[in-house]
C-alpha atoms as a PDB file:
ATOM      1  CA  MET A   1      38.928 -19.669  25.046  1.00  0.00           C
ATOM      2  CA  ALA A   2      36.251 -17.574  26.617  1.00  0.00           C
ATOM      3  CA  ARG A   3      38.344 -14.737  25.443  1.00  0.00           C
ATOM      4  CA  ARG A   4      38.451 -16.336  22.142  1.00  0.00           C
ATOM      5  CA  TRP A   5      35.075 -16.647  21.518  1.00  0.00           C
ATOM      6  CA  LEU A   6      34.179 -12.967  22.655  1.00  0.00           C
ATOM      7  CA  ALA A   7      36.824 -11.606  20.476  1.00  0.00           C
ATOM      8  CA  ILE A   8      35.023 -13.862  17.707  1.00  0.00           C
ATOM      9  CA  ALA A   9      31.403 -12.734  18.602  1.00  0.00           C
ATOM     10  CA  ALA A  10      32.621  -8.830  18.879  1.00  0.00           C
ATOM     11  CA  GLY A  11      33.713  -9.068  15.563  1.00  0.00           C
ATOM     12  CA  ILE A  12      30.765 -10.403  13.453  1.00  0.00           C
ATOM     13  CA  PRO A  13      29.243  -7.316  13.490  1.00  0.00           C
ATOM     14  CA  ALA A  14      32.033  -5.443  12.336  1.00  0.00           C
ATOM     15  CA  ALA A  15      32.688  -7.989   9.670  1.00  0.00           C
ATOM     16  CA  LEU A  16      28.902  -7.374   8.978  1.00  0.00           C
ATOM     17  CA  LEU A  17      29.534  -3.498   8.424  1.00  0.00           C
ATOM     18  CA  LEU A  18      32.147  -3.476   6.387  1.00  0.00           C
ATOM     19  CA  PHE A  19      30.933  -6.477   3.829  1.00  0.00           C
ATOM     20  CA  SER A  20      27.977  -4.347   3.836  1.00  0.00           C
ATOM     21  CA  VAL A  21      29.643  -1.182   3.341  1.00  0.00           C
ATOM     22  CA  ILE A  22      31.720  -2.901   0.403  1.00  0.00           C
ATOM     23  CA  ILE A  23      28.602  -4.451  -1.698  1.00  0.00           C
ATOM     24  CA  ILE A  24      26.879  -0.897  -1.354  1.00  0.00           C
ATOM     25  CA  ILE A  25      30.081   1.444  -2.529  1.00  0.00           C
ATOM     26  CA  PHE A  26      31.473  -0.868  -5.509  1.00  0.00           C
ATOM     27  CA  THR A  27      28.212  -2.207  -6.562  1.00  0.00           C
ATOM     28  CA  PRO A  28      27.116  -0.004  -9.539  1.00  0.00           C
ATOM     29  CA  ALA A  29      23.709   1.918  -9.059  1.00  0.00           C
ATOM     30  CA  ALA A  30      22.646   0.552 -12.695  1.00  0.00           C
ATOM     31  CA  SER A  31      23.106  -3.249 -11.526  1.00  0.00           C
ATOM     32  CA  VAL A  32      21.088  -2.231  -8.253  1.00  0.00           C
ATOM     33  CA  GLN A  33      18.476  -0.714 -10.671  1.00  0.00           C
ATOM     34  CA  GLY A  34      18.526  -3.753 -12.667  1.00  0.00           C
ATOM     35  CA  VAL A  35      17.437  -5.825  -9.512  1.00  0.00           C
ATOM     36  CA  ILE A  36      14.560  -3.950  -8.581  1.00  0.00           C
ATOM     37  CA  ASP A  37      13.656  -3.894 -12.317  1.00  0.00           C
ATOM     38  CA  ARG A  38      13.771  -7.873 -12.183  1.00  0.00           C
ATOM     39  CA  ALA A  39      12.048  -7.827  -8.983  1.00  0.00           C
ATOM     40  CA  CYS A  40       9.014  -5.220  -9.809  1.00  0.00           C
ATOM     41  CA  LYS A  41       8.611  -7.377 -13.367  1.00  0.00           C
ATOM     42  CA  SER A  42       8.370 -10.691 -11.806  1.00  0.00           C
ATOM     43  CA  ALA A  43       5.421  -9.285  -9.506  1.00  0.00           C
ATOM     44  CA  GLY A  44       3.965  -8.036 -13.222  1.00  0.00           C
ATOM     45  CA  TYR A  45       4.981  -4.457 -12.884  1.00  0.00           C
ATOM     46  CA  THR A  46       7.304  -1.978 -14.300  1.00  0.00           C
ATOM     47  CA  LEU A  47       9.604   0.644 -12.738  1.00  0.00           C
ATOM     48  CA  ARG A  48      10.177   3.673 -14.160  1.00  0.00           C
ATOM     49  CA  VAL A  49      12.748   6.603 -12.651  1.00  0.00           C
ATOM     50  CA  ALA A  50      14.259   9.830 -13.797  1.00  0.00           C
ATOM     51  CA  GLU A  51      17.213   9.808 -12.365  1.00  0.00           C
ATOM     52  CA  PHE A  52      18.759   6.557 -10.216  1.00  0.00           C
ATOM     53  CA  GLY A  53      22.090   6.497  -7.874  1.00  0.00           C
ATOM     54  CA  LYS A  54      23.288   6.220  -4.729  1.00  0.00           C
ATOM     55  CA  ALA A  55      22.669   8.037  -1.770  1.00  0.00           C
ATOM     56  CA  LEU A  56      24.907   9.205   1.344  1.00  0.00           C
ATOM     57  CA  PRO A  57      26.175   7.305   3.503  1.00  0.00           C
ATOM     58  CA  LEU A  58      24.908   4.249   2.488  1.00  0.00           C
ATOM     59  CA  GLY A  59      21.958   3.803  -0.141  1.00  0.00           C
ATOM     60  CA  ILE A  60      19.949   4.166  -3.220  1.00  0.00           C
ATOM     61  CA  LYS A  61      18.005   6.894  -4.422  1.00  0.00           C
ATOM     62  CA  ALA A  62      15.628   7.976  -7.582  1.00  0.00           C
ATOM     63  CA  ARG A  63      13.621  10.689  -8.786  1.00  0.00           C
ATOM     64  CA  ASN A  64      10.432  10.676 -10.146  1.00  0.00           C
ATOM     65  CA  LEU A  65       9.874   7.276  -9.442  1.00  0.00           C
ATOM     66  CA  GLU A  66       6.881   5.310 -11.607  1.00  0.00           C
ATOM     67  CA  ILE A  67       5.562   2.055 -10.984  1.00  0.00           C
ATOM     68  CA  VAL A  68       2.992   1.039 -13.758  1.00  0.00           C
ATOM     69  CA  ASP A  69       1.127  -1.642 -15.205  1.00  0.00           C
ATOM     70  CA  GLU A  70      -0.439  -2.041 -18.840  1.00  0.00           C
ATOM     71  CA  ARG A  71      -3.101  -0.162 -18.116  1.00  0.00           C
ATOM     72  CA  GLY A  72      -0.626   3.154 -16.637  1.00  0.00           C
ATOM     73  CA  ALA A  73       0.134   4.253 -13.532  1.00  0.00           C
ATOM     74  CA  LEU A  74      -0.355   3.169 -10.267  1.00  0.00           C
ATOM     75  CA  PHE A  75       1.997   5.084  -7.820  1.00  0.00           C
ATOM     76  CA  ARG A  76       4.316   8.028  -8.124  1.00  0.00           C
ATOM     77  CA  ALA A  77       6.989   9.433  -5.718  1.00  0.00           C
ATOM     78  CA  ASP A  78       8.448  12.516  -6.214  1.00  0.00           C
ATOM     79  CA  ASP A  79      11.905  11.552  -4.658  1.00  0.00           C
ATOM     80  CA  ALA A  80      12.864   7.885  -2.485  1.00  0.00           C
ATOM     81  CA  VAL A  81      15.751   6.816  -1.008  1.00  0.00           C
ATOM     82  CA  VAL A  82      16.568   3.370   1.124  1.00  0.00           C
ATOM     83  CA  ARG A  83      19.468   3.486   3.106  1.00  0.00           C
ATOM     84  CA  LEU A  84      21.060   0.918   5.323  1.00  0.00           C
ATOM     85  CA  LYS A  85      20.591   1.198   9.369  1.00  0.00           C
ATOM     86  CA  LEU A  86      24.266   1.552  10.832  1.00  0.00           C
ATOM     87  CA  LEU A  87      23.157   0.904  14.575  1.00  0.00           C
ATOM     88  CA  PRO A  88      21.185  -2.248  13.816  1.00  0.00           C
ATOM     89  CA  LEU A  89      24.014  -3.823  12.088  1.00  0.00           C
ATOM     90  CA  LEU A  90      26.287  -3.394  14.856  1.00  0.00           C
ATOM     91  CA  ALA A  91      24.232  -5.496  16.589  1.00  0.00           C
ATOM     92  CA  GLY A  92      24.037  -8.040  13.584  1.00  0.00           C
ATOM     93  CA  LYS A  93      20.832  -6.995  12.506  1.00  0.00           C
ATOM     94  CA  VAL A  94      20.379  -5.764   8.648  1.00  0.00           C
ATOM     95  CA  ARG A  95      17.556  -2.922   8.583  1.00  0.00           C
ATOM     96  CA  PHE A  96      16.361  -0.460   6.142  1.00  0.00           C
ATOM     97  CA  GLY A  97      15.413   2.782   6.512  1.00  0.00           C
ATOM     98  CA  TYR A  98      13.179   4.242   3.409  1.00  0.00           C
ATOM     99  CA  ARG A  99      11.290   7.155   2.648  1.00  0.00           C
ATOM    100  CA  ALA A 100       9.014   8.396  -0.512  1.00  0.00           C
ATOM    101  CA  ASP A 101       7.896  11.790  -1.011  1.00  0.00           C
ATOM    102  CA  VAL A 102       4.473  11.847  -2.808  1.00  0.00           C
ATOM    103  CA  GLY A 103       3.385  15.311  -2.918  1.00  0.00           C
ATOM    104  CA  LYS A 104       3.058  17.279   0.296  1.00  0.00           C
ATOM    105  CA  GLY A 105       3.121  13.832   1.790  1.00  0.00           C
ATOM    106  CA  TYR A 106       5.054  10.866   2.498  1.00  0.00           C
ATOM    107  CA  ILE A 107       5.808   7.499   3.080  1.00  0.00           C
ATOM    108  CA  ARG A 108       8.292   6.203   5.322  1.00  0.00           C
ATOM    109  CA  GLY A 109       9.266   3.313   7.405  1.00  0.00           C
ATOM    110  CA  VAL A 110      11.837   0.571   8.040  1.00  0.00           C
ATOM    111  CA  LEU A 111      12.282  -2.912   6.626  1.00  0.00           C
ATOM    112  CA  SER A 112      14.481  -5.916   7.589  1.00  0.00           C
ATOM    113  CA  PRO A 113      14.511  -8.601   5.102  1.00  0.00           C
ATOM    114  CA  LEU A 114      16.258 -11.345   6.942  1.00  0.00           C
ATOM    115  CA  ARG A 115      15.052 -13.702   9.929  1.00  0.00           C
ATOM    116  CA  GLY A 116      11.376 -13.851   8.766  1.00  0.00           C
ATOM    117  CA  GLY A 117      11.256  -9.926   7.644  1.00  0.00           C
ATOM    118  CA  GLU A 118       9.728  -6.878   9.213  1.00  0.00           C
ATOM    119  CA  PHE A 119       7.803  -4.260   7.415  1.00  0.00           C
ATOM    120  CA  GLN A 120       6.954  -0.623   9.379  1.00  0.00           C
ATOM    121  CA  VAL A 121       4.883   2.359   7.221  1.00  0.00           C
ATOM    122  CA  GLU A 122       4.159   5.360   8.707  1.00  0.00           C
ATOM    123  CA  ILE A 123       1.532   7.731   5.889  1.00  0.00           C
ATOM    124  CA  SER A 124       1.522  11.186   6.558  1.00  0.00           C
ATOM    125  CA  HIS A 125      -0.199  14.068   4.973  1.00  0.00           C
ATOM    126  CA  MET A 126      -0.673  12.133   1.581  1.00  0.00           C
ATOM    127  CA  ARG A 127      -3.097  13.846  -0.922  1.00  0.00           C
ATOM    128  CA  LEU A 128      -5.637  10.713  -2.594  1.00  0.00           C
ATOM    129  CA  GLU A 129      -5.231  12.629  -6.106  1.00  0.00           C
ATOM    130  CA  ASP A 130      -1.526  12.386  -5.905  1.00  0.00           C
ATOM    131  CA  ILE A 131      -1.660   8.458  -6.148  1.00  0.00           C
ATOM    132  CA  PRO A 132      -2.940   7.355  -9.534  1.00  0.00           C
ATOM    133  CA  PHE A 133      -4.197   4.099  -8.714  1.00  0.00           C
ATOM    134  CA  PHE A 134      -7.525   5.146  -8.318  1.00  0.00           C
ATOM    135  CA  LEU A 135      -8.066   6.796 -11.450  1.00  0.00           C
ATOM    136  CA  THR A 136      -6.381   3.977 -13.624  1.00  0.00           C
ATOM    137  CA  VAL A 137      -7.903   0.816 -11.844  1.00  0.00           C
ATOM    138  CA  THR A 138     -11.239   2.532 -11.126  1.00  0.00           C
ATOM    139  CA  GLY A 139     -11.731   5.349 -13.024  1.00  0.00           C
ATOM    140  CA  THR A 140     -12.437   7.703  -9.928  1.00  0.00           C
ATOM    141  CA  ARG A 141     -11.726  11.015  -9.446  1.00  0.00           C
ATOM    142  CA  VAL A 142     -10.771  11.168  -5.576  1.00  0.00           C
ATOM    143  CA  LYS A 143      -9.675  13.727  -3.058  1.00  0.00           C
ATOM    144  CA  GLY A 144      -8.581  13.383   0.603  1.00  0.00           C
ATOM    145  CA  ASP A 145      -5.389  13.526   2.789  1.00  0.00           C
ATOM    146  CA  LEU A 146      -4.430  10.224   4.039  1.00  0.00           C
ATOM    147  CA  ARG A 147      -2.878   9.259   7.076  1.00  0.00           C
ATOM    148  CA  GLY A 148      -1.740   5.876   8.363  1.00  0.00           C
ATOM    149  CA  GLU A 149       0.801   3.440  10.175  1.00  0.00           C
ATOM    150  CA  GLY A 150       1.003  -0.396   9.914  1.00  0.00           C
ATOM    151  CA  LYS A 151       3.390  -3.256  10.791  1.00  0.00           C
ATOM    152  CA  PHE A 152       4.056  -6.595   9.388  1.00  0.00           C
ATOM    153  CA  ARG A 153       6.367  -9.497  10.034  1.00  0.00           C
ATOM    154  CA  GLY A 154       6.787 -12.408   7.646  1.00  0.00           C
ATOM    155  CA  SER A 155       5.880 -13.001   4.276  1.00  0.00           C
ATOM    156  CA  GLY A 156       3.449 -15.367   1.970  1.00  0.00           C
ATOM    157  CA  GLU A 157       0.980 -17.253   4.265  1.00  0.00           C
ATOM    158  CA  SER A 158       3.274 -16.912   6.812  1.00  0.00           C
ATOM    159  CA  ALA A 159       2.558 -12.669   7.193  1.00  0.00           C
ATOM    160  CA  SER A 160       1.128 -11.232  10.274  1.00  0.00           C
ATOM    161  CA  GLY A 161       0.376  -7.899  11.652  1.00  0.00           C
ATOM    162  CA  GLU A 162      -2.181  -4.908  11.283  1.00  0.00           C
ATOM    163  CA  ALA A 163      -2.474  -1.678   9.821  1.00  0.00           C
ATOM    164  CA  HIS A 164      -4.908   1.736  10.403  1.00  0.00           C
ATOM    165  CA  LEU A 165      -5.916   4.784   7.881  1.00  0.00           C
ATOM    166  CA  GLU A 166      -7.669   7.908   7.854  1.00  0.00           C
ATOM    167  CA  VAL A 167      -8.604  10.296   5.135  1.00  0.00           C
ATOM    168  CA  LYS A 168     -10.199  13.501   5.937  1.00  0.00           C
ATOM    169  CA  GLY A 169     -11.921  15.199   3.526  1.00  0.00           C
ATOM    170  CA  VAL A 170     -12.889  12.608   1.177  1.00  0.00           C
ATOM    171  CA  ASP A 171     -14.643  13.346  -2.279  1.00  0.00           C
ATOM    172  CA  LEU A 172     -14.978  10.496  -4.861  1.00  0.00           C
ATOM    173  CA  THR A 173     -16.468  11.434  -8.507  1.00  0.00           C
ATOM    174  CA  GLY A 174     -17.062   8.928 -11.371  1.00  0.00           C
ATOM    175  CA  VAL A 175     -17.039   6.382  -8.961  1.00  0.00           C
ATOM    176  CA  LYS A 176     -16.951   2.749 -11.030  1.00  0.00           C
ATOM    177  CA  VAL A 177     -16.257  -1.068 -10.044  1.00  0.00           C
ATOM    178  CA  GLY A 178     -15.991  -3.253 -12.825  1.00  0.00           C
ATOM    179  CA  GLY A 179     -17.679  -0.784 -15.002  1.00  0.00           C
ATOM    180  CA  MET A 180     -20.840  -0.845 -12.248  1.00  0.00           C
ATOM    181  CA  PRO A 181     -21.254   2.931 -11.016  1.00  0.00           C
ATOM    182  CA  LEU A 182     -21.311   4.052  -7.478  1.00  0.00           C
ATOM    183  CA  PRO A 183     -22.574   6.939  -5.876  1.00  0.00           C
ATOM    184  CA  ASP A 184     -20.676  10.241  -6.057  1.00  0.00           C
ATOM    185  CA  ALA A 185     -20.154  11.738  -2.640  1.00  0.00           C
ATOM    186  CA  SER A 186     -18.220  13.482  -0.518  1.00  0.00           C
ATOM    187  CA  TYR A 187     -17.124  12.069   3.294  1.00  0.00           C
ATOM    188  CA  GLU A 188     -15.885  13.976   6.567  1.00  0.00           C
ATOM    189  CA  THR A 189     -14.019  11.345   7.721  1.00  0.00           C
ATOM    190  CA  ALA A 190     -12.666   7.810   6.081  1.00  0.00           C
ATOM    191  CA  ARG A 191     -11.495   4.978   8.682  1.00  0.00           C
ATOM    192  CA  GLY A 192     -10.137   1.741   7.763  1.00  0.00           C
ATOM    193  CA  ALA A 193      -8.293  -1.310  10.065  1.00  0.00           C
ATOM    194  CA  LEU A 194      -6.578  -4.159   8.156  1.00  0.00           C
ATOM    195  CA  LYS A 195      -5.294  -7.482   9.974  1.00  0.00           C
ATOM    196  CA  VAL A 196      -3.125  -9.793   8.164  1.00  0.00           C
ATOM    197  CA  GLY A 197      -2.754 -13.627   9.429  1.00  0.00           C
ATOM    198  CA  ASN A 198      -3.028 -17.280   8.674  1.00  0.00           C
ATOM    199  CA  GLY A 199      -2.672 -16.531   4.974  1.00  0.00           C
ATOM    200  CA  LYS A 200      -5.430 -13.825   4.730  1.00  0.00           C
ATOM    201  CA  ALA A 201      -5.818  -9.777   4.829  1.00  0.00           C
ATOM    202  CA  VAL A 202      -9.127  -9.325   6.780  1.00  0.00           C
ATOM    203  CA  LEU A 203     -10.524  -5.455   6.155  1.00  0.00           C
ATOM    204  CA  GLU A 204     -12.310  -5.384   9.807  1.00  0.00           C
ATOM    205  CA  SER A 205     -13.447  -2.241   9.244  1.00  0.00           C
ATOM    206  CA  ALA A 206     -13.982   0.558   7.006  1.00  0.00           C
ATOM    207  CA  THR A 207     -16.418   3.263   7.231  1.00  0.00           C
ATOM    208  CA  LEU A 208     -17.162   6.394   5.472  1.00  0.00           C
ATOM    209  CA  GLN A 209     -19.525   9.053   6.656  1.00  0.00           C
ATOM    210  CA  GLY A 210     -21.242  11.436   4.629  1.00  0.00           C
ATOM    211  CA  GLU A 211     -23.651  13.797   4.255  1.00  0.00           C
ATOM    212  CA  GLY A 212     -26.827  11.725   3.210  1.00  0.00           C
ATOM    213  CA  LEU A 213     -24.455   8.715   2.708  1.00  0.00           C
ATOM    214  CA  TYR A 214     -23.163   5.864   5.043  1.00  0.00           C
ATOM    215  CA  VAL A 215     -20.589   3.481   3.825  1.00  0.00           C
ATOM    216  CA  ARG A 216     -19.272   0.485   5.116  1.00  0.00           C
ATOM    217  CA  LEU A 217     -16.669  -2.204   3.280  1.00  0.00           C
ATOM    218  CA  LYS A 218     -15.230  -5.515   4.939  1.00  0.00           C
ATOM    219  CA  GLY A 219     -14.373  -8.711   3.750  1.00  0.00           C
ATOM    220  CA  ASP A 220     -11.111 -10.585   3.075  1.00  0.00           C
ATOM    221  CA  MET A 221      -8.513 -12.083   0.857  1.00  0.00           C
ATOM    222  CA  PRO A 222      -5.661 -14.392   0.704  1.00  0.00           C
ATOM    223  CA  VAL A 223      -2.035 -12.954   1.417  1.00  0.00           C
ATOM    224  CA  MET A 224      -0.574 -14.126  -2.357  1.00  0.00           C
ATOM    225  CA  THR A 225       2.495 -13.077  -4.223  1.00  0.00           C
ATOM    226  CA  PRO A 226       1.818 -10.991  -6.513  1.00  0.00           C
ATOM    227  CA  LEU A 227      -0.366  -9.180  -4.774  1.00  0.00           C
ATOM    228  CA  GLY A 228      -2.670  -7.763  -7.455  1.00  0.00           C
ATOM    229  CA  ASP A 229      -3.833 -11.600  -7.940  1.00  0.00           C
ATOM    230  CA  ALA A 230      -5.472 -11.987  -4.938  1.00  0.00           C
ATOM    231  CA  PRO A 231      -9.300 -12.863  -5.427  1.00  0.00           C
ATOM    232  CA  LEU A 232     -11.436 -10.572  -3.324  1.00  0.00           C
ATOM    233  CA  ASN A 233     -14.199 -11.143  -1.323  1.00  0.00           C
ATOM    234  CA  LEU A 234     -15.685  -8.181  -0.038  1.00  0.00           C
ATOM    235  CA  THR A 235     -19.110  -6.695   0.678  1.00  0.00           C
ATOM    236  CA  LEU A 236     -19.777  -3.028   0.290  1.00  0.00           C
ATOM    237  CA  GLU A 237     -22.801  -1.600   2.123  1.00  0.00           C
ATOM    238  CA  LEU A 238     -24.686   1.424   1.205  1.00  0.00           C
ATOM    239  CA  MET A 239     -27.064   3.204   3.529  1.00  0.00           C
ATOM    240  CA  PRO A 240     -28.312   6.379   1.931  1.00  0.00           C
ATOM    241  CA  LYS A 241     -31.095   8.822   3.148  1.00  0.00           C
ATOM    242  CA  PRO A 242     -33.933   9.559   1.185  1.00  0.00           C
ATOM    243  CA  ALA A 243     -32.883  12.928   0.055  1.00  0.00           C
ATOM    244  CA  PHE A 244     -29.322  11.710  -1.465  1.00  0.00           C
ATOM    245  CA  LEU A 245     -31.083   8.541  -2.954  1.00  0.00           C
ATOM    246  CA  GLU A 246     -33.322  10.931  -4.984  1.00  0.00           C
ATOM    247  CA  ARG A 247     -30.730  13.159  -6.147  1.00  0.00           C
ATOM    248  CA  GLN A 248     -28.813  10.425  -7.586  1.00  0.00           C
ATOM    249  CA  LYS A 249     -31.735   8.072  -8.378  1.00  0.00           C
ATOM    250  CA  PHE A 250     -30.222   6.662 -11.841  1.00  0.00           C
ATOM    251  CA  VAL A 251     -27.405   4.999 -10.140  1.00  0.00           C
ATOM    252  CA  PHE A 252     -29.403   3.524  -7.270  1.00  0.00           C
ATOM    253  CA  LEU A 253     -31.889   2.221 -10.063  1.00  0.00           C
ATOM    254  CA  LEU A 254     -29.226   0.372 -11.798  1.00  0.00           C
ATOM    255  CA  LEU A 255     -28.134  -1.024  -8.164  1.00  0.00           C
ATOM    256  CA  GLY A 256     -31.631  -1.862  -7.390  1.00  0.00           C
ATOM    257  CA  LYS A 257     -30.854  -5.653  -7.329  1.00  0.00           C
ATOM    258  CA  TYR A 258     -28.808  -5.162  -4.286  1.00  0.00           C
ATOM    259  CA  LEU A 259     -31.666  -3.713  -2.286  1.00  0.00           C
ATOM    260  CA  VAL A 260     -31.951  -5.909   0.992  1.00  0.00           C
ATOM    261  CA  SER A 261     -33.958  -3.490   2.929  1.00  0.00           C
ATOM    262  CA  PRO A 262     -35.071  -0.113   2.361  1.00  0.00           C
ATOM    263  CA  GLY A 263     -32.092   2.534   2.299  1.00  0.00           C
ATOM    264  CA  ASN A 264     -29.362  -0.744   2.492  1.00  0.00           C
ATOM    265  CA  TYR A 265     -27.740  -1.948  -0.305  1.00  0.00           C
ATOM    266  CA  LEU A 266     -25.352  -5.058  -0.060  1.00  0.00           C
ATOM    267  CA  ILE A 267     -22.706  -5.049  -2.875  1.00  0.00           C
ATOM    268  CA  PRO A 268     -20.709  -8.084  -3.506  1.00  0.00           C
ATOM    269  CA  ILE A 269     -17.209  -7.179  -4.780  1.00  0.00           C
ATOM    270  CA  HIS A 270     -15.203 -10.097  -6.142  1.00  0.00           C
ATOM    271  CA  GLY A 271     -12.594 -10.152  -9.092  1.00  0.00           C
ATOM    272  CA  THR A 272      -8.886  -9.494  -8.057  1.00  0.00           C
ATOM    273  CA  LEU A 273      -7.251  -6.333  -5.576  1.00  0.00           C
ATOM    274  CA  ALA A 274      -5.879  -5.366  -9.798  1.00  0.00           C
ATOM    275  CA  ARG A 275      -8.888  -5.558 -11.083  1.00  0.00           C
ATOM    276  CA  PRO A 276     -11.901  -5.424  -8.735  1.00  0.00           C
ATOM    277  CA  ALA A 277     -15.571  -6.356  -9.957  1.00  0.00           C
ATOM    278  CA  ILE A 278     -18.738  -6.174  -8.999  1.00  0.00           C
ATOM    279  CA  GLN A 279     -20.806  -9.369  -9.386  1.00  0.00           C
END
């Protein structure tokens, strides 16, 4: 009896591997793309690709991928690939490795859709100017070198995890949130930490240190689907030095009602993640 159960247990990973191979090999690429298209549309987005097909040994790939909504492009990748990882499958675990090349940088990581789900991400040398989200959503022309990493488990209200980001050589021009202009500025370094748990994503620390201006952003939002509809509860703190304030006095005049003490502005940001607004 023991040998029988041992044989069954040993055969499960092999059967799972064989089943996965059959599905990936014999499912037409157009059908896979259709599933992804429907998933994007259910979240309020449209997926566009120049090419879509199979990636060896077991995966799918796309070239010139673009995610858009009614306002325009939010994300672009030159190449993107998702592959089934074979070694975890032999242990009965379904995991996928993914990578997207964006300009000179990339996003890569691992995701596990089963058993509560797990998502890991690493971002390296991604230029902010190659991410259209900023210009499309806020009208901001932004430059900088982005690096970061994160690890999350679960989904929706049960999601948990954390992420850390760092951007070097940040330059922001034409910043507007809900039509309200914010100061143009350059920053040597920007850093941020995000924690997810108890149904919320909490921005614990996001700071930008520039010549003449210090910026801090903090707050939270609920974790929900689609994420773009999540209401924001953020506070943006601006601390300009006198010379910087004088150079951009018109912008700070518009922000005058948010002045809480000399050289200290507290600006509430609400709306949603997809459509932030200053109140």
